[in-house]
Protein backbone atom coordinates (compact mmCIF):
# COMPACT_ATOMS: atom_id res chain seq x y z
CA UNK A 1 0.00 0.00 0.00
CA UNK A 2 1.32 3.43 -0.95
CA UNK A 3 0.40 6.43 1.18
CA UNK A 4 1.97 8.64 -1.50
CA UNK A 5 2.39 7.91 -5.20
CA UNK A 6 6.10 8.72 -5.25
CA UNK A 7 6.50 8.42 -9.02
CA UNK A 8 3.67 10.88 -9.48
CA UNK A 9 5.27 13.21 -6.94
CA UNK A 10 8.49 13.27 -8.97
CA UNK A 11 6.62 13.70 -12.25
CA UNK A 12 4.48 16.53 -10.83
CA UNK A 13 7.42 18.32 -9.25
CA UNK A 14 9.64 18.17 -12.33
CA UNK A 15 6.75 19.35 -14.53
CA UNK A 16 5.86 22.31 -12.30
CA UNK A 17 9.31 23.50 -11.27
CA UNK A 18 10.47 26.69 -12.91
CA UNK A 19 13.51 26.53 -15.20
CA UNK A 20 16.82 27.72 -13.82
CA UNK A 21 18.81 30.76 -15.00
CA UNK A 22 20.12 30.89 -18.54
CA UNK A 23 23.75 29.76 -18.57
CA UNK A 24 26.02 28.45 -21.29
CA UNK A 25 27.29 24.88 -21.21
CA UNK A 26 30.73 26.16 -20.22
CA UNK A 27 29.35 28.38 -17.43
CA UNK A 28 27.44 25.41 -16.06
CA UNK A 29 30.51 23.17 -16.20
CA UNK A 30 32.63 25.78 -14.41
CA UNK A 31 30.00 26.34 -11.70
CA UNK A 32 29.74 22.61 -10.97
CA UNK A 33 33.52 22.16 -10.87
CA UNK A 34 34.02 25.18 -8.60
CA UNK A 35 31.27 24.14 -6.19
CA UNK A 36 32.85 20.70 -5.81
CA UNK A 37 36.23 22.27 -5.02
CA UNK A 38 34.78 24.87 -2.66
CA UNK A 39 32.79 22.28 -0.74
CA UNK A 40 36.02 20.45 0.10
CA UNK A 41 37.75 23.70 1.02
CA UNK A 42 34.81 24.73 3.20
CA UNK A 43 34.79 21.44 5.09
CA UNK A 44 38.40 22.00 6.15
CA UNK A 45 37.61 25.51 7.38
CA UNK A 46 34.56 24.26 9.29
CA UNK A 47 36.37 21.37 11.00
CA UNK A 48 39.24 23.63 12.06
CA UNK A 49 36.90 26.25 13.47
CA UNK A 50 34.32 24.01 15.16
CA UNK A 51 36.85 21.46 16.48
CA UNK A 52 34.47 18.67 15.60
CA UNK A 53 36.47 15.68 14.37
CA UNK A 54 35.15 12.91 12.16
CA UNK A 55 36.57 9.70 10.78
CA UNK A 56 35.15 10.33 7.33
CA UNK A 57 37.48 11.99 4.83
CA UNK A 58 36.34 15.22 3.13
CA UNK A 59 34.33 14.52 0.00
CA UNK A 60 33.10 16.87 -2.69
CA UNK A 61 29.43 17.73 -2.61
CA UNK A 62 26.89 16.24 -5.00
CA UNK A 63 25.83 18.94 -7.46
CA UNK A 64 22.27 18.76 -8.83
CA UNK A 65 19.79 20.77 -10.86
CA UNK A 66 16.23 21.47 -9.72
CA UNK A 67 14.68 18.20 -10.98
CA UNK A 68 17.61 16.34 -9.40
CA UNK A 69 16.88 17.98 -6.06
CA UNK A 70 13.23 16.94 -6.31
CA UNK A 71 14.16 13.31 -7.03
CA UNK A 72 16.65 13.25 -4.15
CA UNK A 73 14.07 14.59 -1.70
CA UNK A 74 11.44 12.11 -2.77
CA UNK A 75 13.97 9.35 -2.03
CA UNK A 76 14.56 10.88 1.40
CA UNK A 77 10.84 11.18 2.10
CA UNK A 78 10.34 7.52 1.28
CA UNK A 79 12.97 6.55 3.84
CA UNK A 80 11.62 8.88 6.54
CA UNK A 81 8.00 7.81 6.04
CA UNK A 82 8.78 4.09 5.85
CA UNK A 83 7.63 3.35 9.46
CA UNK A 84 4.29 5.07 8.78
CA UNK A 85 3.73 3.41 5.41
CA UNK A 86 4.57 0.01 6.92
CA UNK A 87 1.98 0.51 9.64
CA UNK A 88 -0.65 1.65 7.17
CA UNK A 89 0.14 -1.32 4.92
CA UNK A 90 -0.59 -3.58 7.87
CA UNK A 91 -4.02 -1.93 8.09
CA UNK A 92 -4.75 -2.09 4.37
CA UNK A 93 -7.78 -4.36 4.93
CA UNK A 94 -9.43 -1.47 6.76
CA UNK A 95 -9.22 0.86 3.76
CA UNK A 96 -11.10 0.30 0.48
CA UNK A 97 -8.71 -0.16 -2.44
CA UNK A 98 -10.22 2.72 -4.43
CA UNK A 99 -9.79 5.10 -1.47
CA UNK A 100 -6.18 4.03 -1.07
CA UNK A 101 -5.40 4.43 -4.79
CA UNK A 102 -7.05 7.84 -5.13
CA UNK A 103 -5.57 9.08 -1.87
CA UNK A 104 -2.03 8.13 -2.82
CA UNK A 105 -2.33 9.98 -6.13
CA UNK A 106 -3.72 13.10 -4.48
CA UNK A 107 -0.90 13.19 -1.95
CA UNK A 108 1.60 12.47 -4.73
CA UNK A 109 0.45 15.57 -6.60
CA UNK A 110 0.51 17.62 -3.39
CA UNK A 111 4.05 16.54 -2.48
CA UNK A 112 5.22 17.22 -6.02
CA UNK A 113 3.73 20.72 -5.98
CA UNK A 114 5.41 21.56 -2.67
CA UNK A 115 8.77 20.27 -3.91
CA UNK A 116 8.41 22.29 -7.12
CA UNK A 117 7.97 25.43 -5.02
CA UNK A 118 10.98 24.65 -2.82
CA UNK A 119 13.24 23.41 -5.65
CA UNK A 120 13.80 26.89 -7.02
CA UNK A 121 14.71 28.30 -3.59
CA UNK A 122 16.94 25.77 -1.81
CA UNK A 123 20.66 26.44 -2.22
CA UNK A 124 21.84 23.24 -0.61
CA UNK A 125 21.16 20.70 2.09
CA UNK A 126 22.66 17.78 3.93
CA UNK A 127 20.51 14.75 3.11
CA UNK A 128 20.31 12.70 6.28
CA UNK A 129 18.20 9.86 4.98
CA UNK A 130 18.98 8.01 1.77
CA UNK A 131 17.82 4.68 0.34
CA UNK A 132 20.02 1.65 1.15
CA UNK A 133 22.96 1.02 -1.15
CA UNK A 134 22.92 -1.96 -3.60
CA UNK A 135 24.16 -4.28 -0.84
CA UNK A 136 21.25 -3.32 1.41
CA UNK A 137 23.43 -1.32 3.82
CA UNK A 138 22.11 1.96 5.14
CA UNK A 139 23.57 4.79 3.08
CA UNK A 140 25.51 7.60 4.71
CA UNK A 141 24.30 11.18 4.45
CA UNK A 142 25.06 13.30 1.41
CA UNK A 143 25.72 16.99 0.92
CA UNK A 144 23.83 18.34 -2.07
CA UNK A 145 24.21 21.77 -3.67
CA UNK A 146 21.65 23.08 -6.17
CA UNK A 147 23.84 24.77 -8.79
CA UNK A 148 21.18 26.74 -10.72
CA UNK A 149 19.77 28.23 -7.52
CA UNK A 150 23.19 29.32 -6.31
CA UNK A 151 23.95 30.92 -9.69
CA UNK A 152 20.52 32.59 -9.71
CA UNK A 153 20.99 33.96 -6.18
CA UNK A 154 24.47 35.36 -6.80
CA UNK A 155 23.23 37.12 -9.95
CA UNK A 156 20.10 38.45 -8.27
CA UNK A 157 22.10 39.76 -5.31
CA UNK A 158 24.91 41.05 -7.55
CA UNK A 159 27.65 39.61 -5.32
CA UNK A 160 31.08 38.12 -5.99
CA UNK A 161 30.36 34.64 -7.39
CA UNK A 162 33.24 32.69 -5.82
CA UNK A 163 32.80 34.39 -2.46
CA UNK A 164 29.08 33.62 -2.43
CA UNK A 165 29.60 29.99 -3.38
CA UNK A 166 32.17 29.48 -0.62
CA UNK A 167 29.90 31.27 1.86
CA UNK A 168 27.02 28.91 1.02
CA UNK A 169 29.34 25.91 1.27
CA UNK A 170 30.45 26.98 4.76
CA UNK A 171 26.87 26.74 6.05
CA UNK A 172 26.03 23.47 4.33
CA UNK A 173 29.36 21.84 5.21
CA UNK A 174 28.70 22.67 8.86
CA UNK A 175 25.74 20.30 8.68
CA UNK A 176 27.90 17.56 7.20
CA UNK A 177 30.44 18.07 9.99
CA UNK A 178 27.69 17.99 12.63
CA UNK A 179 26.17 14.74 11.45
CA UNK A 180 29.42 12.93 10.63
CA UNK A 181 31.32 14.19 13.68
CA UNK A 182 28.54 13.54 16.22
CA UNK A 183 27.76 9.82 15.71
CA UNK A 184 24.48 9.70 17.64
CA UNK A 185 22.92 12.87 16.20
CA UNK A 186 21.57 11.38 12.97
CA UNK A 187 19.85 8.48 14.71
CA UNK A 188 18.46 10.83 17.36
CA UNK A 189 16.80 12.98 14.71
CA UNK A 190 15.50 9.88 12.93
CA UNK A 191 14.00 8.43 16.13
CA UNK A 192 12.24 11.71 16.92
CA UNK A 193 10.82 11.89 13.39
CA UNK A 194 9.64 8.28 13.60
CA UNK A 195 7.98 8.91 16.95
CA UNK A 196 6.31 12.02 15.53
CA UNK A 197 4.82 9.97 12.68
CA UNK A 198 3.77 6.92 14.66
CA UNK A 199 2.01 8.60 17.57
CA UNK A 200 -0.57 10.11 15.22
CA UNK A 201 -3.99 8.48 15.34
CA UNK A 202 -5.50 7.59 12.01
CA UNK A 203 -9.25 7.36 12.71
CA UNK A 204 -11.60 9.11 10.28
CA UNK A 205 -12.98 11.71 12.71
CA UNK A 206 -9.49 12.88 13.65
CA UNK A 207 -8.50 13.04 9.99
CA UNK A 208 -11.54 15.21 9.19
CA UNK A 209 -10.77 17.50 12.13
CA UNK A 210 -7.21 17.94 10.87
CA UNK A 211 -8.40 18.69 7.35
CA UNK A 212 -10.69 21.39 8.72
CA UNK A 213 -7.80 22.80 10.74
CA UNK A 214 -5.63 22.79 7.62
CA UNK A 215 -8.31 24.68 5.69
CA UNK A 216 -8.50 27.25 8.51
CA UNK A 217 -4.69 27.60 8.42
CA UNK A 218 -4.74 28.27 4.68
CA UNK A 219 -7.42 30.93 5.10
CA UNK A 220 -5.53 32.52 7.98
CA UNK A 221 -2.26 32.63 6.04
CA UNK A 222 -3.94 34.20 3.01
CA UNK A 223 -5.31 36.90 5.32
CA UNK A 224 -1.78 37.55 6.55
CA UNK A 225 -2.06 35.66 9.83
CA UNK A 226 0.38 33.28 11.47
CA UNK A 227 -1.35 29.98 10.62
CA UNK A 228 0.69 27.16 9.09
CA UNK A 229 -0.08 23.60 8.06
CA UNK A 230 2.42 22.05 10.44
CA UNK A 231 0.67 23.48 13.49
CA UNK A 232 -2.76 22.73 12.04
CA UNK A 233 -2.40 19.00 11.46
CA UNK A 234 -0.42 17.87 14.50
CA UNK A 235 -1.89 16.23 17.59
CA UNK A 236 -1.00 17.41 21.13
CA UNK A 237 1.25 14.36 21.49
CA UNK A 238 3.00 15.21 18.23
CA UNK A 239 3.50 18.80 19.38
CA UNK A 240 5.60 17.59 22.30
CA UNK A 241 7.86 15.61 19.96
CA UNK A 242 7.92 18.44 17.44
CA UNK A 243 9.09 20.82 20.16
CA UNK A 244 12.12 18.58 20.73
CA UNK A 245 12.76 18.30 17.01
CA UNK A 246 12.42 22.05 16.59
CA UNK A 247 14.97 22.64 19.35
CA UNK A 248 17.60 20.36 17.79
CA UNK A 249 17.02 21.73 14.29
CA UNK A 250 17.21 25.28 15.62
CA UNK A 251 20.56 24.35 17.13
CA UNK A 252 22.01 22.79 13.96
CA UNK A 253 20.69 25.54 11.67
CA UNK A 254 21.85 28.29 14.00
CA UNK A 255 25.24 26.61 14.38
CA UNK A 256 25.51 26.59 10.59
CA UNK A 257 24.75 30.30 10.37
CA UNK A 258 27.13 31.11 13.23
CA UNK A 259 30.01 29.17 11.66
CA UNK A 260 29.32 30.65 8.23
CA UNK A 261 29.55 34.20 9.58
CA UNK A 262 32.44 33.53 11.98
CA UNK A 263 34.65 31.83 9.40
CA UNK A 264 33.52 34.06 6.56
CA UNK A 265 35.59 37.19 7.23
CA UNK A 266 38.88 35.26 7.04
CA UNK A 267 38.12 33.41 3.78
CA UNK A 268 35.30 35.33 2.10
CA UNK A 269 36.48 38.92 1.49
CA UNK A 270 33.03 40.29 0.59
CA UNK A 271 31.12 38.49 3.36
CA UNK A 272 29.62 41.69 4.85
CA UNK A 273 28.09 42.67 1.51
CA UNK A 274 26.81 39.12 0.93
CA UNK A 275 25.25 38.80 4.38
CA UNK A 276 23.45 42.17 4.16
CA UNK A 277 21.99 41.44 0.73
CA UNK A 278 21.11 37.85 1.56
CA UNK A 279 19.28 38.89 4.72
CA UNK A 280 17.12 41.29 2.69
CA UNK A 281 16.44 38.49 0.19
CA UNK A 282 15.28 36.13 2.95
CA UNK A 283 12.72 38.69 4.08
CA UNK A 284 11.51 39.61 0.60
CA UNK A 285 9.29 37.98 -2.00
CA UNK A 286 5.79 38.53 -3.31
CA UNK A 287 2.71 38.26 -1.12
CA UNK A 288 1.97 34.85 -2.63
CA UNK A 289 5.53 33.73 -1.94
CA UNK A 290 5.32 34.90 1.67
CA UNK A 291 1.95 33.17 2.12
CA UNK A 292 3.24 29.83 0.83
CA UNK A 293 6.37 30.13 2.96
CA UNK A 294 4.24 30.72 6.04
CA UNK A 295 1.98 27.77 5.24
CA UNK A 296 4.89 25.40 4.77
CA UNK A 297 6.64 26.55 7.92
CA UNK A 298 9.55 28.10 6.00
CA UNK A 299 9.23 31.29 8.02
CA UNK A 300 9.77 29.13 11.10
CA UNK A 301 13.02 27.90 9.54
CA UNK A 302 14.16 31.49 9.02
CA UNK A 303 13.41 32.16 12.68
CA UNK A 304 15.46 29.08 13.60
CA UNK A 305 18.51 30.48 11.85
CA UNK A 306 18.37 33.68 13.91
CA UNK A 307 17.48 32.15 17.29
CA UNK A 308 19.94 29.28 16.94
CA UNK A 309 22.77 31.56 15.87
CA UNK A 310 22.10 33.86 18.83
CA UNK A 311 22.20 30.86 21.21
CA UNK A 312 25.49 29.55 19.78
CA UNK A 313 27.12 32.98 19.86
CA UNK A 314 26.06 33.60 23.46
CA UNK A 315 27.35 30.23 24.65
CA UNK A 316 30.68 30.49 22.79
CA UNK A 317 31.17 34.00 24.20
CA UNK A 318 30.66 32.64 27.72
CA UNK A 319 32.39 29.25 27.71
CA UNK A 320 34.38 29.12 24.46
CA UNK A 321 34.15 26.69 21.58
CA UNK A 322 35.14 23.64 23.60
CA UNK A 323 32.56 24.56 26.22
CA UNK A 324 29.91 24.95 23.56
CA UNK A 325 30.83 21.59 22.04
CA UNK A 326 29.53 19.87 25.17
CA UNK A 327 26.19 20.30 23.44
CA UNK A 328 27.17 17.33 21.24
CA UNK A 329 27.89 14.97 24.19
CA UNK A 330 24.51 13.20 24.17
CA UNK A 331 20.81 13.87 23.55
CA UNK A 332 20.59 14.97 27.18
CA UNK A 333 22.99 17.87 26.58
CA UNK A 334 20.99 19.28 23.67
CA UNK A 335 19.24 22.54 24.55
CA UNK A 336 15.51 22.71 25.03
CA UNK A 337 13.50 25.40 23.30
CA UNK A 338 13.42 27.37 26.56
CA UNK A 339 17.21 27.11 26.87
CA UNK A 340 17.72 28.34 23.32
CA UNK A 341 15.82 31.46 24.33
CA UNK A 342 17.88 31.68 27.56
CA UNK A 343 21.43 30.34 26.96
CA UNK A 344 22.38 30.94 30.59
CA UNK A 345 19.98 28.16 31.60
CA UNK A 346 21.76 25.70 29.31
CA UNK A 347 25.18 26.78 30.62
CA UNK A 348 24.01 26.36 34.21
CA UNK A 349 22.56 22.89 33.53
CA UNK A 350 25.42 21.47 31.45
CA UNK A 351 28.39 23.22 33.03
CA UNK A 352 27.11 23.28 36.59
CA UNK A 353 27.72 26.97 37.16
CA UNK A 354 27.99 29.69 34.53
CA UNK A 355 31.60 29.91 33.42
CA UNK A 356 33.50 33.12 32.91
CA UNK A 357 34.34 34.15 29.36
CA UNK A 358 37.40 32.28 28.17
CA UNK A 359 37.39 29.86 31.07
CA UNK A 360 38.45 27.03 28.81
CA UNK A 361 40.93 29.17 26.95
CA UNK A 362 38.95 29.10 23.72
CA UNK A 363 36.66 32.11 23.74
CA UNK A 364 36.91 34.55 20.92
């Protein structure tokens, strides 16, 4: 039983996605080659700065176009949703075949449409969940950069191309360093996502209630309100798990932004110009664009960058980089949402008593 028609999702997404910027074959070849080189360079800068070691050797990023990004994300979704689809398959006798077939096609179109919207905006990502390799072994994560989106952004912002590409790589490589240098982090995120999916109840009345809530969220967002689909469709039990997931993702996204800006001045000469223009771009867009971003929770992601970066900066200023890195000791040392808003609470809990700036000799 398929909850989502994945082939239809890919077909829908690739049909709806907007074409990338006009570039010559040579310009495209050069952009791909440079991004591969810069991703390796960025990983070295990130490891040196963060002091997070990993056994894996630096590898160039995977460079994709917009349809390639859509296909990669559908593969990731299939892996993430596998526990839920397995449970629903076990209940297939409870669902009429026609309902199952129609429902999977509807959700396939919906997923494809969402991915088409995102595929022209995402610059890069670290793919945590990939299908097993040909031997059946679980595949490691993969850093993916979306070349046409990076080229489009650097042209739109009118910034130095190489500087911008390295700046983007610094953020994305931070995620690779996090998830390869902290062995338990990937499985922790996976377990929280699985719990989030499996604690949902699937009875018809609850489903109808969630659909009504989703409709209300759409109407609210169109009116300019704060409604989003993520809040609308989750149960109270899911909200508790989502709060934990939000905290850890705020940490990793904020850490990426912090590292990008901290390392940037020494290796990206025009970083101040890039940051100022990119910040304005994040806040811009048409009313329709802003509405869709709010519905999909993308505005929440933007908030995560800022709040997470502020948390990391405050902790590093107080206890230095080695003191901050205690955050990666275990799931118990991750900050809660309340602690992200109040870094002193995290310092007091993890370090015992608030340390003085530079107490471990690494501040600054």
